[in-house]
């Protein structure tokens, strides 16, 4: 929480989005667990508003999680 509101996530996010656009990607999809409401609201704010699918993910460490996937369409504009 001590790092929230200081722009670290925004800088990293926009760097990644611009890099993907330059490489020709037209959309980006991410996953979020339903109980991570704060993160989900941040992702919605950044344009991940198109619901794609949901399902169980099984991680190499043995953890499993139910994940919702959302897509953001990338425009030609570089931010």
PDB file of N, CA and C in Angstrom:
ATOM      1  N   UNK A   1       0.814  -1.208   0.000  1.00  0.00           N
ATOM      2  CA  UNK A   1       0.000   0.000   0.000  1.00  0.00           C
ATOM      3  C   UNK A   1       0.852   1.264   0.000  1.00  0.00           C
ATOM      4  N   UNK A   2       2.067   1.175   0.533  1.00  0.00           N
ATOM      5  CA  UNK A   2       2.904   2.377   0.592  1.00  0.00           C
ATOM      6  C   UNK A   2       3.297   2.886  -0.795  1.00  0.00           C
ATOM      7  N   UNK A   3       3.200   2.037  -1.821  1.00  0.00           N
ATOM      8  CA  UNK A   3       3.569   2.435  -3.181  1.00  0.00           C
ATOM      9  C   UNK A   3       2.364   2.818  -4.033  1.00  0.00           C
ATOM     10  N   UNK A   4       1.158   2.655  -3.514  1.00  0.00           N
ATOM     11  CA  UNK A   4      -0.039   2.983  -4.285  1.00  0.00           C
ATOM     12  C   UNK A   4      -0.158   4.489  -4.475  1.00  0.00           C
ATOM     13  N   UNK A   5      -0.670   4.860  -5.646  1.00  0.00           N
ATOM     14  CA  UNK A   5      -0.908   6.269  -5.924  1.00  0.00           C
ATOM     15  C   UNK A   5       0.327   7.045  -6.337  1.00  0.00           C
ATOM     16  N   UNK A   6       1.455   6.356  -6.584  1.00  0.00           N
ATOM     17  CA  UNK A   6       2.678   7.047  -6.954  1.00  0.00           C
ATOM     18  C   UNK A   6       3.031   6.884  -8.433  1.00  0.00           C
ATOM     19  N   UNK A   7       2.173   6.191  -9.169  1.00  0.00           N
ATOM     20  CA  UNK A   7       2.363   6.086 -10.609  1.00  0.00           C
ATOM     21  C   UNK A   7       3.242   4.954 -11.093  1.00  0.00           C
ATOM     22  N   UNK A   8       3.718   4.098 -10.196  1.00  0.00           N
ATOM     23  CA  UNK A   8       4.599   3.005 -10.623  1.00  0.00           C
ATOM     24  C   UNK A   8       3.885   2.058 -11.584  1.00  0.00           C
ATOM     25  N   UNK A   9       2.688   1.629 -11.238  1.00  0.00           N
ATOM     26  CA  UNK A   9       1.940   0.710 -12.092  1.00  0.00           C
ATOM     27  C   UNK A   9       1.617   1.375 -13.419  1.00  0.00           C
ATOM     28  N   UNK A  10       1.195   2.624 -13.390  1.00  0.00           N
ATOM     29  CA  UNK A  10       0.847   3.340 -14.626  1.00  0.00           C
ATOM     30  C   UNK A  10       2.018   3.403 -15.586  1.00  0.00           C
ATOM     31  N   UNK A  11       3.195   3.727 -15.079  1.00  0.00           N
ATOM     32  CA  UNK A  11       4.374   3.821 -15.947  1.00  0.00           C
ATOM     33  C   UNK A  11       4.699   2.471 -16.570  1.00  0.00           C
ATOM     34  N   UNK A  12       4.688   1.431 -15.781  1.00  0.00           N
ATOM     35  CA  UNK A  12       4.961   0.091 -16.298  1.00  0.00           C
ATOM     36  C   UNK A  12       3.881  -0.344 -17.285  1.00  0.00           C
ATOM     37  N   UNK A  13       2.628  -0.103 -16.940  1.00  0.00           N
ATOM     38  CA  UNK A  13       1.512  -0.483 -17.797  1.00  0.00           C
ATOM     39  C   UNK A  13       1.616   0.175 -19.159  1.00  0.00           C
ATOM     40  N   UNK A  14       1.789   1.492 -19.203  1.00  0.00           N
ATOM     41  CA  UNK A  14       1.836   2.202 -20.479  1.00  0.00           C
ATOM     42  C   UNK A  14       3.084   1.850 -21.270  1.00  0.00           C
ATOM     43  N   UNK A  15       4.182   1.581 -20.595  1.00  0.00           N
ATOM     44  CA  UNK A  15       5.379   1.115 -21.301  1.00  0.00           C
ATOM     45  C   UNK A  15       5.077  -0.198 -22.023  1.00  0.00           C
ATOM     46  N   UNK A  16       4.449  -1.144 -21.332  1.00  0.00           N
ATOM     47  CA  UNK A  16       4.130  -2.444 -21.935  1.00  0.00           C
ATOM     48  C   UNK A  16       3.123  -2.292 -23.071  1.00  0.00           C
ATOM     49  N   UNK A  17       2.080  -1.491 -22.874  1.00  0.00           N
ATOM     50  CA  UNK A  17       1.062  -1.299 -23.911  1.00  0.00           C
ATOM     51  C   UNK A  17       1.693  -0.696 -25.164  1.00  0.00           C
ATOM     52  N   UNK A  18       2.503   0.346 -24.997  1.00  0.00           N
ATOM     53  CA  UNK A  18       3.147   0.977 -26.148  1.00  0.00           C
ATOM     54  C   UNK A  18       4.106   0.025 -26.854  1.00  0.00           C
ATOM     55  N   UNK A  19       4.820  -0.791 -26.103  1.00  0.00           N
ATOM     56  CA  UNK A  19       5.724  -1.770 -26.696  1.00  0.00           C
ATOM     57  C   UNK A  19       4.937  -2.799 -27.518  1.00  0.00           C
ATOM     58  N   UNK A  20       3.827  -3.276 -26.977  1.00  0.00           N
ATOM     59  CA  UNK A  20       3.002  -4.243 -27.708  1.00  0.00           C
ATOM     60  C   UNK A  20       2.421  -3.627 -28.987  1.00  0.00           C
ATOM     61  N   UNK A  21       1.988  -2.373 -28.908  1.00  0.00           N
ATOM     62  CA  UNK A  21       1.463  -1.684 -30.094  1.00  0.00           C
ATOM     63  C   UNK A  21       2.538  -1.586 -31.173  1.00  0.00           C
ATOM     64  N   UNK A  22       3.755  -1.197 -30.774  1.00  0.00           N
ATOM     65  CA  UNK A  22       4.853  -1.074 -31.726  1.00  0.00           C
ATOM     66  C   UNK A  22       5.176  -2.415 -32.390  1.00  0.00           C
ATOM     67  N   UNK A  23       4.926  -3.494 -31.687  1.00  0.00           N
ATOM     68  CA  UNK A  23       5.193  -4.835 -32.210  1.00  0.00           C
ATOM     69  C   UNK A  23       4.025  -5.369 -33.045  1.00  0.00           C
ATOM     70  N   UNK A  24       2.962  -4.567 -33.157  1.00  0.00           N
ATOM     71  CA  UNK A  24       1.857  -4.939 -34.023  1.00  0.00           C
ATOM     72  C   UNK A  24       0.679  -5.632 -33.357  1.00  0.00           C
ATOM     73  N   UNK A  25       0.693  -5.756 -32.048  1.00  0.00           N
ATOM     74  CA  UNK A  25      -0.444  -6.379 -31.362  1.00  0.00           C
ATOM     75  C   UNK A  25      -1.664  -5.469 -31.454  1.00  0.00           C
ATOM     76  N   UNK A  26      -2.825  -6.074 -31.599  1.00  0.00           N
ATOM     77  CA  UNK A  26      -4.062  -5.313 -31.730  1.00  0.00           C
ATOM     78  C   UNK A  26      -4.938  -5.404 -30.491  1.00  0.00           C
ATOM     79  N   UNK A  27      -4.638  -6.346 -29.612  1.00  0.00           N
ATOM     80  CA  UNK A  27      -5.386  -6.462 -28.360  1.00  0.00           C
ATOM     81  C   UNK A  27      -4.517  -7.131 -27.309  1.00  0.00           C
ATOM     82  N   UNK A  28      -4.910  -6.954 -26.068  1.00  0.00           N
ATOM     83  CA  UNK A  28      -4.215  -7.539 -24.927  1.00  0.00           C
ATOM     84  C   UNK A  28      -5.264  -8.139 -24.014  1.00  0.00           C
ATOM     85  N   UNK A  29      -4.966  -9.297 -23.461  1.00  0.00           N
ATOM     86  CA  UNK A  29      -5.880  -9.961 -22.531  1.00  0.00           C
ATOM     87  C   UNK A  29      -5.154 -10.189 -21.212  1.00  0.00           C
ATOM     88  N   UNK A  30      -5.865  -9.989 -20.115  1.00  0.00           N
ATOM     89  CA  UNK A  30      -5.293 -10.294 -18.809  1.00  0.00           C
ATOM     90  C   UNK A  30      -6.316 -11.035 -17.971  1.00  0.00           C
ATOM     91  N   UNK A  31      -5.805 -11.680 -16.939  1.00  0.00           N
ATOM     92  CA  UNK A  31      -6.670 -12.423 -16.039  1.00  0.00           C
ATOM     93  C   UNK A  31      -6.615 -11.857 -14.641  1.00  0.00           C
ATOM     94  N   UNK A  32      -7.740 -11.953 -13.957  1.00  0.00           N
ATOM     95  CA  UNK A  32      -7.826 -11.455 -12.584  1.00  0.00           C
ATOM     96  C   UNK A  32      -8.777 -12.365 -11.802  1.00  0.00           C
ATOM     97  N   UNK A  33      -8.406 -12.655 -10.574  1.00  0.00           N
ATOM     98  CA  UNK A  33      -9.282 -13.461  -9.723  1.00  0.00           C
ATOM     99  C   UNK A  33     -10.438 -12.582  -9.238  1.00  0.00           C
ATOM    100  N   UNK A  34     -11.652 -13.132  -9.193  1.00  0.00           N
ATOM    101  CA  UNK A  34     -12.838 -12.330  -8.839  1.00  0.00           C
ATOM    102  C   UNK A  34     -12.754 -11.618  -7.486  1.00  0.00           C
ATOM    103  N   UNK A  35     -12.031 -12.196  -6.533  1.00  0.00           N
ATOM    104  CA  UNK A  35     -11.957 -11.549  -5.213  1.00  0.00           C
ATOM    105  C   UNK A  35     -10.996 -10.361  -5.197  1.00  0.00           C
ATOM    106  N   UNK A  36     -10.221 -10.186  -6.265  1.00  0.00           N
ATOM    107  CA  UNK A  36      -9.287  -9.054  -6.370  1.00  0.00           C
ATOM    108  C   UNK A  36     -10.010  -7.839  -6.949  1.00  0.00           C
ATOM    109  N   UNK A  37     -11.013  -7.366  -6.248  1.00  0.00           N
ATOM    110  CA  UNK A  37     -11.892  -6.303  -6.734  1.00  0.00           C
ATOM    111  C   UNK A  37     -11.111  -5.017  -7.015  1.00  0.00           C
ATOM    112  N   UNK A  38     -10.201  -4.652  -6.151  1.00  0.00           N
ATOM    113  CA  UNK A  38      -9.421  -3.416  -6.344  1.00  0.00           C
ATOM    114  C   UNK A  38      -8.646  -3.488  -7.655  1.00  0.00           C
ATOM    115  N   UNK A  39      -7.969  -4.604  -7.894  1.00  0.00           N
ATOM    116  CA  UNK A  39      -7.213  -4.760  -9.144  1.00  0.00           C
ATOM    117  C   UNK A  39      -8.146  -4.764 -10.344  1.00  0.00           C
ATOM    118  N   UNK A  40      -9.295  -5.419 -10.227  1.00  0.00           N
ATOM    119  CA  UNK A  40     -10.256  -5.476 -11.328  1.00  0.00           C
ATOM    120  C   UNK A  40     -10.714  -4.065 -11.712  1.00  0.00           C
ATOM    121  N   UNK A  41     -10.956  -3.222 -10.726  1.00  0.00           N
ATOM    122  CA  UNK A  41     -11.366  -1.838 -11.004  1.00  0.00           C
ATOM    123  C   UNK A  41     -10.262  -1.057 -11.709  1.00  0.00           C
ATOM    124  N   UNK A  42      -9.020  -1.319 -11.330  1.00  0.00           N
ATOM    125  CA  UNK A  42      -7.889  -0.668 -12.006  1.00  0.00           C
ATOM    126  C   UNK A  42      -7.834  -1.115 -13.457  1.00  0.00           C
ATOM    127  N   UNK A  43      -7.996  -2.413 -13.693  1.00  0.00           N
ATOM    128  CA  UNK A  43      -7.946  -2.936 -15.063  1.00  0.00           C
ATOM    129  C   UNK A  43      -9.092  -2.378 -15.902  1.00  0.00           C
ATOM    130  N   UNK A  44     -10.282  -2.274 -15.324  1.00  0.00           N
ATOM    131  CA  UNK A  44     -11.415  -1.672 -16.037  1.00  0.00           C
ATOM    132  C   UNK A  44     -11.075  -0.229 -16.422  1.00  0.00           C
ATOM    133  N   UNK A  45     -10.466   0.491 -15.473  1.00  0.00           N
ATOM    134  CA  UNK A  45     -10.071   1.883 -15.712  1.00  0.00           C
ATOM    135  C   UNK A  45      -9.112   1.985 -16.901  1.00  0.00           C
ATOM    136  N   UNK A  46      -8.231   1.000 -17.055  1.00  0.00           N
ATOM    137  CA  UNK A  46      -7.256   0.995 -18.145  1.00  0.00           C
ATOM    138  C   UNK A  46      -7.794   0.364 -19.425  1.00  0.00           C
ATOM    139  N   UNK A  47      -9.091   0.090 -19.473  1.00  0.00           N
ATOM    140  CA  UNK A  47      -9.711  -0.326 -20.720  1.00  0.00           C
ATOM    141  C   UNK A  47      -9.917  -1.814 -20.920  1.00  0.00           C
ATOM    142  N   UNK A  48      -9.630  -2.617 -19.924  1.00  0.00           N
ATOM    143  CA  UNK A  48      -9.872  -4.057 -20.025  1.00  0.00           C
ATOM    144  C   UNK A  48     -11.332  -4.323 -19.651  1.00  0.00           C
ATOM    145  N   UNK A  49     -12.219  -4.048 -20.586  1.00  0.00           N
ATOM    146  CA  UNK A  49     -13.650  -4.096 -20.279  1.00  0.00           C
ATOM    147  C   UNK A  49     -14.395  -5.178 -21.050  1.00  0.00           C
ATOM    148  N   UNK A  50     -13.753  -5.791 -22.029  1.00  0.00           N
ATOM    149  CA  UNK A  50     -14.421  -6.833 -22.816  1.00  0.00           C
ATOM    150  C   UNK A  50     -14.171  -8.191 -22.169  1.00  0.00           C
ATOM    151  N   UNK A  51     -15.220  -8.782 -21.593  1.00  0.00           N
ATOM    152  CA  UNK A  51     -15.095 -10.104 -20.965  1.00  0.00           C
ATOM    153  C   UNK A  51     -14.816 -11.147 -22.039  1.00  0.00           C
ATOM    154  N   UNK A  52     -13.809 -11.989 -21.833  1.00  0.00           N
ATOM    155  CA  UNK A  52     -13.431 -13.021 -22.790  1.00  0.00           C
ATOM    156  C   UNK A  52     -13.903 -14.389 -22.329  1.00  0.00           C
ATOM    157  N   UNK A  53     -13.482 -14.791 -21.123  1.00  0.00           N
ATOM    158  CA  UNK A  53     -13.839 -16.109 -20.595  1.00  0.00           C
ATOM    159  C   UNK A  53     -13.450 -16.181 -19.130  1.00  0.00           C
ATOM    160  N   UNK A  54     -13.796 -17.271 -18.493  1.00  0.00           N
ATOM    161  CA  UNK A  54     -13.346 -17.545 -17.129  1.00  0.00           C
ATOM    162  C   UNK A  54     -12.989 -19.019 -17.052  1.00  0.00           C
ATOM    163  N   UNK A  55     -12.162 -19.347 -16.086  1.00  0.00           N
ATOM    164  CA  UNK A  55     -11.782 -20.742 -15.922  1.00  0.00           C
ATOM    165  C   UNK A  55     -10.765 -20.931 -14.823  1.00  0.00           C
ATOM    166  N   UNK A  56     -10.495 -22.177 -14.524  1.00  0.00           N
ATOM    167  CA  UNK A  56      -9.503 -22.516 -13.505  1.00  0.00           C
ATOM    168  C   UNK A  56      -8.112 -22.483 -14.115  1.00  0.00           C
ATOM    169  N   UNK A  57      -7.179 -21.922 -13.376  1.00  0.00           N
ATOM    170  CA  UNK A  57      -5.769 -21.924 -13.743  1.00  0.00           C
ATOM    171  C   UNK A  57      -5.025 -22.791 -12.741  1.00  0.00           C
ATOM    172  N   UNK A  58      -4.089 -23.565 -13.233  1.00  0.00           N
ATOM    173  CA  UNK A  58      -3.292 -24.443 -12.379  1.00  0.00           C
ATOM    174  C   UNK A  58      -1.831 -24.044 -12.536  1.00  0.00           C
ATOM    175  N   UNK A  59      -1.247 -23.563 -11.450  1.00  0.00           N
ATOM    176  CA  UNK A  59       0.098 -23.035 -11.482  1.00  0.00           C
ATOM    177  C   UNK A  59       1.115 -24.122 -11.140  1.00  0.00           C
ATOM    178  N   UNK A  60       2.361 -23.966 -11.607  1.00  0.00           N
ATOM    179  CA  UNK A  60       3.393 -24.982 -11.360  1.00  0.00           C
ATOM    180  C   UNK A  60       3.624 -25.287  -9.881  1.00  0.00           C
ATOM    181  N   UNK A  61       3.361 -24.325  -9.008  1.00  0.00           N
ATOM    182  CA  UNK A  61       3.588 -24.543  -7.577  1.00  0.00           C
ATOM    183  C   UNK A  61       2.436 -25.298  -6.906  1.00  0.00           C
ATOM    184  N   UNK A  62       1.436 -25.714  -7.704  1.00  0.00           N
ATOM    185  CA  UNK A  62       0.322 -26.482  -7.155  1.00  0.00           C
ATOM    186  C   UNK A  62      -0.906 -25.653  -6.821  1.00  0.00           C
ATOM    187  N   UNK A  63      -0.775 -24.340  -6.839  1.00  0.00           N
ATOM    188  CA  UNK A  63      -1.925 -23.488  -6.559  1.00  0.00           C
ATOM    189  C   UNK A  63      -2.892 -23.512  -7.744  1.00  0.00           C
ATOM    190  N   UNK A  64      -4.145 -23.348  -7.431  1.00  0.00           N
ATOM    191  CA  UNK A  64      -5.138 -23.196  -8.483  1.00  0.00           C
ATOM    192  C   UNK A  64      -6.011 -22.001  -8.148  1.00  0.00           C
ATOM    193  N   UNK A  65      -6.513 -21.366  -9.195  1.00  0.00           N
ATOM    194  CA  UNK A  65      -7.318 -20.162  -9.003  1.00  0.00           C
ATOM    195  C   UNK A  65      -8.351 -20.062 -10.105  1.00  0.00           C
ATOM    196  N   UNK A  66      -9.516 -19.558  -9.747  1.00  0.00           N
ATOM    197  CA  UNK A  66     -10.545 -19.245 -10.729  1.00  0.00           C
ATOM    198  C   UNK A  66     -10.244 -17.846 -11.239  1.00  0.00           C
ATOM    199  N   UNK A  67     -10.144 -17.688 -12.559  1.00  0.00           N
ATOM    200  CA  UNK A  67      -9.698 -16.433 -13.150  1.00  0.00           C
ATOM    201  C   UNK A  67     -10.699 -15.944 -14.191  1.00  0.00           C
ATOM    202  N   UNK A  68     -10.950 -14.635 -14.184  1.00  0.00           N
ATOM    203  CA  UNK A  68     -11.760 -13.956 -15.202  1.00  0.00           C
ATOM    204  C   UNK A  68     -10.799 -13.282 -16.176  1.00  0.00           C
ATOM    205  N   UNK A  69     -11.055 -13.423 -17.464  1.00  0.00           N
ATOM    206  CA  UNK A  69     -10.181 -12.829 -18.480  1.00  0.00           C
ATOM    207  C   UNK A  69     -10.902 -11.691 -19.190  1.00  0.00           C
ATOM    208  N   UNK A  70     -10.192 -10.560 -19.326  1.00  0.00           N
ATOM    209  CA  UNK A  70     -10.729  -9.372 -19.988  1.00  0.00           C
ATOM    210  C   UNK A  70      -9.749  -8.911 -21.056  1.00  0.00           C
ATOM    211  N   UNK A  71     -10.288  -8.315 -22.109  1.00  0.00           N
ATOM    212  CA  UNK A  71      -9.494  -7.864 -23.246  1.00  0.00           C
ATOM    213  C   UNK A  71      -9.571  -6.350 -23.386  1.00  0.00           C
ATOM    214  N   UNK A  72      -8.447  -5.786 -23.846  1.00  0.00           N
ATOM    215  CA  UNK A  72      -8.369  -4.361 -24.182  1.00  0.00           C
ATOM    216  C   UNK A  72      -7.972  -4.296 -25.662  1.00  0.00           C
ATOM    217  N   UNK A  73      -8.739  -3.576 -26.462  1.00  0.00           N
ATOM    218  CA  UNK A  73      -8.387  -3.358 -27.855  1.00  0.00           C
ATOM    219  C   UNK A  73      -7.380  -2.224 -27.916  1.00  0.00           C
ATOM    220  N   UNK A  74      -6.294  -2.434 -28.611  1.00  0.00           N
ATOM    221  CA  UNK A  74      -5.240  -1.414 -28.716  1.00  0.00           C
ATOM    222  C   UNK A  74      -5.495  -0.544 -29.933  1.00  0.00           C
ATOM    223  N   UNK A  75      -5.487   0.753 -29.730  1.00  0.00           N
ATOM    224  CA  UNK A  75      -5.659   1.688 -30.842  1.00  0.00           C
ATOM    225  C   UNK A  75      -4.290   1.968 -31.461  1.00  0.00           C
ATOM    226  N   UNK A  76      -4.270   2.742 -32.509  1.00  0.00           N
ATOM    227  CA  UNK A  76      -3.012   3.122 -33.167  1.00  0.00           C
ATOM    228  C   UNK A  76      -2.272   4.209 -32.398  1.00  0.00           C
ATOM    229  N   UNK A  77      -2.978   4.867 -31.487  1.00  0.00           N
ATOM    230  CA  UNK A  77      -2.398   5.970 -30.732  1.00  0.00           C
ATOM    231  C   UNK A  77      -1.369   5.453 -29.733  1.00  0.00           C
ATOM    232  N   UNK A  78      -0.191   6.034 -29.709  1.00  0.00           N
ATOM    233  CA  UNK A  78       0.845   5.695 -28.731  1.00  0.00           C
ATOM    234  C   UNK A  78       0.789   6.725 -27.627  1.00  0.00           C
ATOM    235  N   UNK A  79       0.711   6.239 -26.410  1.00  0.00           N
ATOM    236  CA  UNK A  79       0.586   7.138 -25.252  1.00  0.00           C
ATOM    237  C   UNK A  79       1.909   7.197 -24.506  1.00  0.00           C
TER     238      UNK A  79
END
